[in-house]
Amino acid sequence: MDAKTKGIVATIAAVVLCGCPGLFMCFFGAISTFVSFVPGADIDVGGSSDPAAATAMGIGALCLSIIFIAVPVVVGFFMLRKKPEVVVSDEPLPPAS
């Protein structure tokens, strides 16, 4: 397997293992944060009906989802970028003056 194929496989694995859960967590966090501001909403966060708990959970999920979504971007960038080629020269260096 060449380097580009390994990069594609690593990027797809990162998207499946981190990107998709990150997007789902982002949607969950956004909905949880939105629901905490709805008056009369039936909120149950770990047995608490406090809207502040729903807001904190939603904002925490949003922050964590940003990290999960960034992982496939970083993996794809580093695995699929074109690396600079090393210049190998057999020519002798000129004498220093």
C-alpha atoms as a PDB file:
ATOM      1  CA  MET A   1       0.000   0.000   0.000  1.00  0.00           C
ATOM      2  CA  ASP A   2       1.402   3.377  -0.960  1.00  0.00           C
ATOM      3  CA  ALA A   3       1.306   6.476   1.221  1.00  0.00           C
ATOM      4  CA  LYS A   4      -1.678   8.063  -0.515  1.00  0.00           C
ATOM      5  CA  THR A   5      -3.829   4.942  -0.026  1.00  0.00           C
ATOM      6  CA  LYS A   6      -2.863   4.805   3.648  1.00  0.00           C
ATOM      7  CA  GLY A   7      -3.789   8.480   3.962  1.00  0.00           C
ATOM      8  CA  ILE A   8      -7.198   7.916   2.408  1.00  0.00           C
ATOM      9  CA  VAL A   9      -7.890   4.920   4.665  1.00  0.00           C
ATOM     10  CA  ALA A  10      -6.791   6.872   7.766  1.00  0.00           C
ATOM     11  CA  THR A  11      -8.952   9.829   6.785  1.00  0.00           C
ATOM     12  CA  ILE A  12     -12.033   7.665   6.195  1.00  0.00           C
ATOM     13  CA  ALA A  13     -11.480   5.892   9.520  1.00  0.00           C
ATOM     14  CA  ALA A  14     -11.137   9.240  11.305  1.00  0.00           C
ATOM     15  CA  VAL A  15     -14.339  10.515   9.689  1.00  0.00           C
ATOM     16  CA  VAL A  16     -16.282   7.409  10.702  1.00  0.00           C
ATOM     17  CA  LEU A  17     -14.872   7.198  14.234  1.00  0.00           C
ATOM     18  CA  CYS A  18     -14.662  10.916  15.097  1.00  0.00           C
ATOM     19  CA  GLY A  19     -16.432  13.034  12.495  1.00  0.00           C
ATOM     20  CA  CYS A  20     -19.850  11.372  12.548  1.00  0.00           C
ATOM     21  CA  PRO A  21     -20.080  11.183  16.357  1.00  0.00           C
ATOM     22  CA  GLY A  22     -18.879  14.803  16.470  1.00  0.00           C
ATOM     23  CA  LEU A  23     -21.689  15.925  14.162  1.00  0.00           C
ATOM     24  CA  PHE A  24     -24.294  13.989  16.159  1.00  0.00           C
ATOM     25  CA  MET A  25     -22.922  15.483  19.384  1.00  0.00           C
ATOM     26  CA  CYS A  26     -23.073  18.953  17.815  1.00  0.00           C
ATOM     27  CA  PHE A  27     -26.753  18.500  16.946  1.00  0.00           C
ATOM     28  CA  PHE A  28     -27.479  17.116  20.424  1.00  0.00           C
ATOM     29  CA  GLY A  29     -25.691  20.027  22.096  1.00  0.00           C
ATOM     30  CA  ALA A  30     -27.497  22.591  19.969  1.00  0.00           C
ATOM     31  CA  ILE A  31     -30.896  21.039  20.688  1.00  0.00           C
ATOM     32  CA  SER A  32     -30.143  20.721  24.410  1.00  0.00           C
ATOM     33  CA  THR A  33     -29.037  24.346  24.607  1.00  0.00           C
ATOM     34  CA  PHE A  34     -32.086  25.520  22.661  1.00  0.00           C
ATOM     35  CA  VAL A  35     -34.513  23.502  24.796  1.00  0.00           C
ATOM     36  CA  SER A  36     -33.075  24.966  27.993  1.00  0.00           C
ATOM     37  CA  PHE A  37     -34.416  28.382  26.942  1.00  0.00           C
ATOM     38  CA  VAL A  38     -37.934  27.156  26.084  1.00  0.00           C
ATOM     39  CA  PRO A  39     -40.341  28.029  28.897  1.00  0.00           C
ATOM     40  CA  GLY A  40     -42.237  25.063  30.305  1.00  0.00           C
ATOM     41  CA  ALA A  41     -40.031  22.454  28.598  1.00  0.00           C
ATOM     42  CA  ASP A  42     -39.802  19.022  30.203  1.00  0.00           C
ATOM     43  CA  ILE A  43     -36.065  18.907  31.003  1.00  0.00           C
ATOM     44  CA  ASP A  44     -34.395  15.902  32.621  1.00  0.00           C
ATOM     45  CA  VAL A  45     -30.611  16.059  32.825  1.00  0.00           C
ATOM     46  CA  GLY A  46     -29.329  13.401  35.171  1.00  0.00           C
ATOM     47  CA  GLY A  47     -32.441  13.660  37.312  1.00  0.00           C
ATOM     48  CA  SER A  48     -32.328  17.446  37.436  1.00  0.00           C
ATOM     49  CA  SER A  49     -34.997  19.629  35.868  1.00  0.00           C
ATOM     50  CA  ASP A  50     -32.843  22.768  36.102  1.00  0.00           C
ATOM     51  CA  PRO A  51     -32.473  24.586  32.751  1.00  0.00           C
ATOM     52  CA  ALA A  52     -28.932  25.598  33.720  1.00  0.00           C
ATOM     53  CA  ALA A  53     -27.941  21.917  33.730  1.00  0.00           C
ATOM     54  CA  ALA A  54     -29.297  21.508  30.197  1.00  0.00           C
ATOM     55  CA  THR A  55     -27.440  24.638  29.078  1.00  0.00           C
ATOM     56  CA  ALA A  56     -24.177  23.433  30.597  1.00  0.00           C
ATOM     57  CA  MET A  57     -24.557  19.987  29.051  1.00  0.00           C
ATOM     58  CA  GLY A  58     -25.391  21.499  25.663  1.00  0.00           C
ATOM     59  CA  ILE A  59     -22.469  23.905  25.646  1.00  0.00           C
ATOM     60  CA  GLY A  60     -20.126  21.139  26.830  1.00  0.00           C
ATOM     61  CA  ALA A  61     -21.331  18.875  24.028  1.00  0.00           C
ATOM     62  CA  LEU A  62     -20.840  21.663  21.495  1.00  0.00           C
ATOM     63  CA  CYS A  63     -17.263  22.296  22.664  1.00  0.00           C
ATOM     64  CA  LEU A  64     -16.409  18.601  22.619  1.00  0.00           C
ATOM     65  CA  SER A  65     -17.991  18.185  19.192  1.00  0.00           C
ATOM     66  CA  ILE A  66     -15.696  20.856  17.752  1.00  0.00           C
ATOM     67  CA  ILE A  67     -12.705  18.772  18.814  1.00  0.00           C
ATOM     68  CA  PHE A  68     -14.239  15.595  17.372  1.00  0.00           C
ATOM     69  CA  ILE A  69     -14.966  17.329  14.063  1.00  0.00           C
ATOM     70  CA  ALA A  70     -11.451  18.806  13.885  1.00  0.00           C
ATOM     71  CA  VAL A  71      -9.737  15.399  14.189  1.00  0.00           C
ATOM     72  CA  PRO A  72     -10.621  14.150  10.653  1.00  0.00           C
ATOM     73  CA  VAL A  73      -9.663  17.530   9.179  1.00  0.00           C
ATOM     74  CA  VAL A  74      -6.234  17.395  10.795  1.00  0.00           C
ATOM     75  CA  VAL A  75      -5.714  13.710   9.906  1.00  0.00           C
ATOM     76  CA  GLY A  76      -6.701  14.371   6.297  1.00  0.00           C
ATOM     77  CA  PHE A  77      -4.423  17.399   6.073  1.00  0.00           C
ATOM     78  CA  PHE A  78      -1.348  15.663   7.436  1.00  0.00           C
ATOM     79  CA  MET A  79      -1.892  12.334   5.670  1.00  0.00           C
ATOM     80  CA  LEU A  80      -2.835  13.671   2.233  1.00  0.00           C
ATOM     81  CA  ARG A  81      -0.537  16.681   1.904  1.00  0.00           C
ATOM     82  CA  LYS A  82       2.255  16.576  -0.606  1.00  0.00           C
ATOM     83  CA  LYS A  83       5.497  16.336   1.289  1.00  0.00           C
ATOM     84  CA  PRO A  84       8.501  18.273  -0.032  1.00  0.00           C
ATOM     85  CA  GLU A  85      10.969  16.074  -1.857  1.00  0.00           C
ATOM     86  CA  VAL A  86      14.498  15.808  -0.555  1.00  0.00           C
ATOM     87  CA  VAL A  87      17.010  17.164  -3.054  1.00  0.00           C
ATOM     88  CA  VAL A  88      19.864  14.734  -3.599  1.00  0.00           C
ATOM     89  CA  SER A  89      22.746  16.188  -5.528  1.00  0.00           C
ATOM     90  CA  ASP A  90      25.912  14.339  -6.530  1.00  0.00           C
ATOM     91  CA  GLU A  91      27.590  17.505  -7.777  1.00  0.00           C
ATOM     92  CA  PRO A  92      30.613  18.629  -5.816  1.00  0.00           C
ATOM     93  CA  LEU A  93      30.307  21.877  -3.895  1.00  0.00           C
ATOM     94  CA  PRO A  94      32.385  24.814  -5.151  1.00  0.00           C
ATOM     95  CA  PRO A  95      35.340  25.778  -2.984  1.00  0.00           C
ATOM     96  CA  ALA A  96      34.703  28.396  -0.338  1.00  0.00           C
ATOM     97  CA  SER A  97      36.564  31.660  -0.812  1.00  0.00           C
END
